Amino acid sequence: MRLPDFIGIGAPRCGTTWLSHILNQHSQIYFNPNYKEIHYFDHNYHRGLKWYARFFSSVAQNIRCGEFTPNYMVQTDSFSRIHQMNPKVKLIIVLRDPVKRAFSHYMQKKRYKRSMKDFETTVQSNEFQILDYGNYGEQLSQLLSIFPQEQVHTIIFEEMIADSQKTFTELQKFLEVEKIDLDPNQAPKNQMNTSRFLWLKILTRGLRGLARKYYWFRILFYGVLPGRRIIQMLRTINAKAITIKKEQMSPEIEQWLVDHYAADKAILEQIIGRPLSLWSL
């Protein structure tokens, strides 16, 4: 079975989609063209390794193949499952200031929820596990109790934005592929558009979900039918012309989050061996 050489495991709202588009420019790196996130080690583990391998079945051995499912970082059962699949697999982590990550996560949820509590209520009640995703030190400690540090490549989002070429060079070295110039301007960025019709959003996600779960439906939808064009058409129809207006984070709730994450940040800094001066904490 052809299985991934690397897996991006987190964290959500930290630029992993953007980074996967960048890496896709490299001829020696492969992502499934329809599924950056496969969700095998969290939602689909019961489907078995053969199910997972089908996403990479066409990839030659001299090509590095992988996926990015950011939820693996918070679903820490995934770590032992990944290790059981391949104890030598390379892991990529992108981490962002957890205060800003939590706010970005909230704004993403607001795109799809017709009624959302305000940001302060959402984080203080830890709705959607929104706080848990930012416990990087705790998560990385658990990961490194299973995998050796040399197999884990940690990227700081703010450093990636400030000096993207340095980030790309280090990542290509980690993945053991030829160093080439990667163009960040060729990668699409997430737009904060909202949905016009909730039912159409559910239909689009349902079609993609069926194709992810069932191999023969995937072959039919993306191979026989123009599935990618269908999905793009549905998204275009459903996108409102306006973008969501961002809320303002109050200084009080920002300080509450800084205090909440302070101890975990100290753990993370000890693990990576340097201070995270670009973060607000």
Protein backbone atom coordinates (compact mmCIF):
# COMPACT_ATOMS: atom_id res chain seq x y z
CA MET A 1 0.00 0.00 0.00
CA ARG A 2 1.15 3.52 -0.78
CA LEU A 3 0.89 5.54 2.42
CA PRO A 4 1.83 9.17 3.22
CA ASP A 5 5.43 10.18 3.77
CA PHE A 6 4.34 13.21 5.79
CA ILE A 7 1.21 14.39 7.59
CA GLY A 8 0.30 17.92 8.62
CA ILE A 9 -1.49 17.55 11.94
CA GLY A 10 -2.35 21.09 12.95
CA ALA A 11 -3.33 23.49 14.02
CA PRO A 12 -6.64 24.79 12.60
CA ARG A 13 -6.74 28.44 11.49
CA CYS A 14 -2.95 28.57 11.30
CA GLY A 15 -2.43 28.77 7.54
CA THR A 16 -2.28 25.04 6.74
CA THR A 17 -4.52 25.35 3.67
CA TRP A 18 -2.39 28.17 2.30
CA LEU A 19 0.79 26.19 3.00
CA SER A 20 -0.56 23.06 1.29
CA HIS A 21 -1.27 25.12 -1.86
CA ILE A 22 2.31 26.40 -1.75
CA LEU A 23 3.76 22.89 -1.41
CA ASN A 24 1.57 21.67 -4.25
CA GLN A 25 3.71 23.78 -6.60
CA HIS A 26 6.57 21.33 -6.04
CA SER A 27 6.78 18.49 -8.57
CA GLN A 28 8.17 16.13 -5.91
CA ILE A 29 5.28 16.70 -3.47
CA TYR A 30 1.76 15.30 -3.85
CA PHE A 31 -1.56 16.05 -2.18
CA ASN A 32 -4.80 14.40 -3.26
CA PRO A 33 -6.23 17.04 -5.64
CA ASN A 34 -9.67 16.93 -4.05
CA TYR A 35 -8.86 16.37 -0.36
CA LYS A 36 -6.23 18.27 1.55
CA GLU A 37 -7.95 16.95 4.73
CA ILE A 38 -8.67 13.22 4.72
CA HIS A 39 -9.68 12.86 8.39
CA TYR A 40 -8.60 9.23 8.57
CA PHE A 41 -7.06 9.21 12.03
CA ASP A 42 -10.01 10.98 13.67
CA HIS A 43 -13.34 10.50 11.86
CA ASN A 44 -12.65 7.61 9.47
CA TYR A 45 -10.25 5.33 11.33
CA HIS A 46 -12.84 2.54 11.42
CA ARG A 47 -12.69 2.38 7.59
CA GLY A 48 -9.26 0.79 7.71
CA LEU A 49 -5.83 1.39 6.23
CA LYS A 50 -6.77 0.24 2.72
CA TRP A 51 -9.40 2.99 2.62
CA TYR A 52 -6.73 5.55 3.55
CA ALA A 53 -4.18 4.19 1.08
CA ARG A 54 -6.55 4.73 -1.86
CA PHE A 55 -6.01 8.49 -1.56
CA PHE A 56 -2.34 7.93 -2.46
CA SER A 57 -2.54 4.83 -4.68
CA SER A 58 -1.37 6.58 -7.85
CA VAL A 59 1.71 8.23 -6.31
CA ALA A 60 5.18 7.04 -7.37
CA GLN A 61 7.66 6.05 -4.68
CA ASN A 62 10.04 8.90 -5.56
CA ILE A 63 7.33 11.50 -4.83
CA ARG A 64 6.66 12.69 -1.27
CA CYS A 65 2.93 12.40 -0.63
CA GLY A 66 0.93 13.63 2.32
CA GLU A 67 -2.13 15.34 3.71
CA PHE A 68 -3.03 18.11 6.16
CA THR A 69 -5.82 17.44 8.65
CA PRO A 70 -5.45 20.13 11.34
CA ASN A 71 -7.91 18.43 13.71
CA TYR A 72 -5.38 15.66 14.38
CA MET A 73 -3.55 18.06 16.71
CA VAL A 74 -6.42 18.30 19.19
CA GLN A 75 -7.64 14.71 18.71
CA THR A 76 -4.56 13.34 20.45
CA ASP A 77 -5.63 9.70 19.96
CA SER A 78 -4.51 10.36 16.40
CA PHE A 79 -0.86 10.43 17.49
CA SER A 80 -0.68 6.77 18.48
CA ARG A 81 -2.73 5.78 15.43
CA ILE A 82 -0.32 7.60 13.10
CA HIS A 83 2.62 5.95 14.86
CA GLN A 84 1.02 2.53 14.43
CA MET A 85 0.66 3.20 10.69
CA ASN A 86 4.28 4.34 10.29
CA PRO A 87 6.59 5.18 13.21
CA LYS A 88 8.96 6.96 10.77
CA VAL A 89 6.43 9.28 9.13
CA LYS A 90 7.30 12.99 9.12
CA LEU A 91 4.91 15.37 10.90
CA ILE A 92 4.35 19.06 10.18
CA ILE A 93 2.81 21.48 12.68
CA VAL A 94 1.92 25.14 12.10
CA LEU A 95 1.23 27.18 15.23
CA ARG A 96 -0.24 30.66 15.50
CA ASP A 97 -0.64 33.04 18.41
CA PRO A 98 -3.41 31.12 20.26
CA VAL A 99 -5.32 34.32 21.08
CA LYS A 100 -5.55 35.30 17.42
CA ARG A 101 -6.15 31.67 16.42
CA ALA A 102 -9.17 31.47 18.74
CA PHE A 103 -10.62 34.66 17.27
CA SER A 104 -10.06 33.42 13.71
CA HIS A 105 -11.73 30.10 14.63
CA TYR A 106 -14.73 32.01 15.98
CA MET A 107 -15.04 34.09 12.81
CA GLN A 108 -14.88 30.93 10.69
CA LYS A 109 -17.73 29.38 12.68
CA LYS A 110 -19.72 32.57 12.30
CA ARG A 111 -19.65 32.15 8.51
CA TYR A 112 -21.87 29.07 8.77
CA LYS A 113 -23.91 29.61 11.93
CA ARG A 114 -27.07 31.62 11.62
CA SER A 115 -27.04 32.44 15.34
CA MET A 116 -23.76 32.73 17.18
CA LYS A 117 -23.03 33.90 20.69
CA ASP A 118 -20.55 36.74 20.97
CA PHE A 119 -16.83 35.97 21.05
CA GLU A 120 -16.44 36.49 24.79
CA THR A 121 -19.24 34.06 25.66
CA THR A 122 -17.99 31.52 23.12
CA VAL A 123 -14.44 31.34 24.41
CA GLN A 124 -15.27 31.53 28.09
CA SER A 125 -17.71 28.63 27.72
CA ASN A 126 -15.20 26.83 25.45
CA GLU A 127 -17.91 26.20 22.86
CA PHE A 128 -16.70 24.10 19.89
CA GLN A 129 -13.61 23.27 22.04
CA ILE A 130 -12.33 26.60 20.79
CA LEU A 131 -9.83 27.00 23.64
CA ASP A 132 -8.50 23.45 23.45
CA TYR A 133 -7.10 23.92 19.95
CA GLY A 134 -4.62 26.46 21.31
CA ASN A 135 -3.08 24.23 23.99
CA TYR A 136 -0.01 23.66 21.81
CA GLY A 137 2.44 22.93 24.60
CA GLU A 138 0.28 20.19 26.06
CA GLN A 139 -0.40 18.68 22.63
CA LEU A 140 3.24 18.80 21.52
CA SER A 141 4.35 17.21 24.80
CA GLN A 142 2.04 14.28 24.14
CA LEU A 143 3.22 14.02 20.52
CA LEU A 144 6.89 13.97 21.51
CA SER A 145 6.26 11.20 23.99
CA ILE A 146 5.47 9.05 20.91
CA PHE A 147 7.57 10.50 18.09
CA PRO A 148 11.21 11.67 18.19
CA GLN A 149 11.70 15.41 17.77
CA GLU A 150 13.64 15.04 14.50
CA GLN A 151 10.46 13.73 12.84
CA VAL A 152 8.41 16.74 13.90
CA HIS A 153 8.78 20.05 12.06
CA THR A 154 7.22 23.03 13.83
CA ILE A 155 6.43 26.23 11.91
CA ILE A 156 5.38 29.45 13.62
CA PHE A 157 2.69 31.13 11.51
CA GLU A 158 3.89 34.69 12.19
CA GLU A 159 7.44 33.77 11.18
CA MET A 160 6.14 32.09 8.03
CA ILE A 161 4.32 35.28 7.03
CA ALA A 162 7.32 37.49 7.88
CA ASP A 163 9.85 35.36 5.96
CA SER A 164 8.03 32.82 3.83
CA GLN A 165 11.06 31.82 1.74
CA LYS A 166 13.03 30.82 4.82
CA THR A 167 10.06 28.73 5.97
CA PHE A 168 9.74 27.04 2.56
CA THR A 169 13.47 26.30 2.39
CA GLU A 170 13.52 24.68 5.84
CA LEU A 171 10.39 22.68 5.07
CA GLN A 172 11.76 21.36 1.77
CA LYS A 173 14.90 20.27 3.60
CA PHE A 174 12.78 18.50 6.22
CA LEU A 175 10.78 16.70 3.52
CA GLU A 176 13.99 15.80 1.67
CA VAL A 177 12.96 17.23 -1.67
CA GLU A 178 14.88 19.42 -4.09
CA LYS A 179 14.96 23.06 -3.05
CA ILE A 180 13.05 25.22 -5.52
CA ASP A 181 11.54 28.70 -5.34
CA LEU A 182 7.91 28.51 -4.26
CA ASP A 183 5.64 31.47 -4.99
CA PRO A 184 3.32 32.41 -2.11
CA ASN A 185 1.35 34.73 -4.40
CA GLN A 186 0.08 31.72 -6.37
CA ALA A 187 -1.72 30.29 -3.34
CA PRO A 188 -5.35 31.33 -2.77
CA LYS A 189 -6.22 32.86 0.58
CA ASN A 190 -9.34 32.14 2.59
CA GLN A 191 -12.08 34.70 2.03
CA MET A 192 -14.45 35.56 4.85
CA ASN A 193 -17.56 35.19 2.70
CA THR A 194 -20.73 33.79 4.14
CA SER A 195 -23.26 31.39 2.60
CA ARG A 196 -26.40 32.59 0.84
CA PHE A 197 -28.33 29.35 1.45
CA LEU A 198 -27.60 27.00 4.35
CA TRP A 199 -29.15 24.01 2.52
CA LEU A 200 -26.82 24.55 -0.44
CA LYS A 201 -23.85 24.62 1.92
CA ILE A 202 -25.04 21.31 3.42
CA LEU A 203 -25.46 19.81 -0.08
CA THR A 204 -21.94 20.84 -1.12
CA ARG A 205 -20.37 19.42 2.02
CA GLY A 206 -22.50 16.30 1.67
CA LEU A 207 -21.28 15.58 -1.86
CA ARG A 208 -17.66 16.04 -0.82
CA GLY A 209 -18.25 13.90 2.27
CA LEU A 210 -19.73 11.05 0.25
CA ALA A 211 -16.80 11.15 -2.16
CA ARG A 212 -14.35 11.12 0.74
CA LYS A 213 -16.03 8.14 2.41
CA TYR A 214 -16.82 5.95 -0.59
CA TYR A 215 -14.12 5.13 -3.12
CA TRP A 216 -16.44 4.26 -6.02
CA PHE A 217 -18.51 7.40 -5.51
CA ARG A 218 -15.24 9.36 -5.57
CA ILE A 219 -14.28 7.72 -8.86
CA LEU A 220 -17.74 8.51 -10.30
CA PHE A 221 -17.95 12.07 -8.99
CA TYR A 222 -14.41 13.23 -9.73
CA GLY A 223 -13.46 10.82 -12.52
CA VAL A 224 -16.59 10.38 -14.64
CA LEU A 225 -18.47 13.54 -13.67
CA PRO A 226 -16.82 16.99 -13.49
CA GLY A 227 -16.99 16.92 -9.69
CA ARG A 228 -14.53 19.72 -9.07
CA ARG A 229 -16.42 22.04 -11.40
CA ILE A 230 -19.73 21.07 -9.80
CA ILE A 231 -18.41 21.90 -6.32
CA GLN A 232 -16.93 25.20 -7.53
CA MET A 233 -20.20 26.11 -9.24
CA LEU A 234 -22.23 25.39 -6.09
CA ARG A 235 -19.81 27.45 -3.99
CA THR A 236 -19.97 30.36 -6.45
CA ILE A 237 -23.77 30.33 -6.46
CA ASN A 238 -23.88 30.16 -2.68
CA ALA A 239 -21.31 32.85 -1.89
CA LYS A 240 -22.72 36.19 -0.83
CA ALA A 241 -21.15 39.21 -2.45
CA ILE A 242 -20.33 40.71 0.94
CA THR A 243 -17.75 39.55 3.41
CA ILE A 244 -18.39 39.11 7.11
CA LYS A 245 -17.55 42.18 9.11
CA LYS A 246 -15.04 41.28 11.76
CA GLU A 247 -15.93 41.90 15.37
CA GLN A 248 -13.51 43.66 17.65
CA MET A 249 -11.90 41.69 20.46
CA SER A 250 -12.21 43.66 23.68
CA PRO A 251 -9.00 44.35 25.65
CA GLU A 252 -10.58 42.53 28.60
CA ILE A 253 -11.22 39.26 26.77
CA GLU A 254 -7.84 39.49 25.03
CA GLN A 255 -6.14 39.73 28.43
CA TRP A 256 -8.29 36.84 29.69
CA LEU A 257 -7.01 34.71 26.81
CA VAL A 258 -3.41 35.82 27.35
CA ASP A 259 -3.67 34.71 30.98
CA HIS A 260 -5.39 31.47 29.98
CA TYR A 261 -2.60 30.44 27.59
CA ALA A 262 0.41 31.79 29.53
CA ALA A 263 1.37 28.51 31.23
CA ASP A 264 0.95 26.48 28.05
CA LYS A 265 3.04 28.98 26.08
CA ALA A 266 5.86 28.53 28.61
CA ILE A 267 5.73 24.75 28.02
CA LEU A 268 5.81 25.27 24.26
CA GLU A 269 8.78 27.66 24.42
CA GLN A 270 10.69 25.11 26.48
CA ILE A 271 9.96 22.40 23.90
CA ILE A 272 11.03 24.45 20.87
CA GLY A 273 13.93 26.03 22.75
CA ARG A 274 13.25 29.71 22.08
CA PRO A 275 10.88 32.54 23.06
CA LEU A 276 7.85 33.33 20.94
CA SER A 277 8.28 37.09 20.92
CA LEU A 278 5.93 37.65 17.95
CA TRP A 279 2.94 36.46 19.98
CA SER A 280 0.81 38.78 22.09
CA LEU A 281 1.23 36.56 25.16
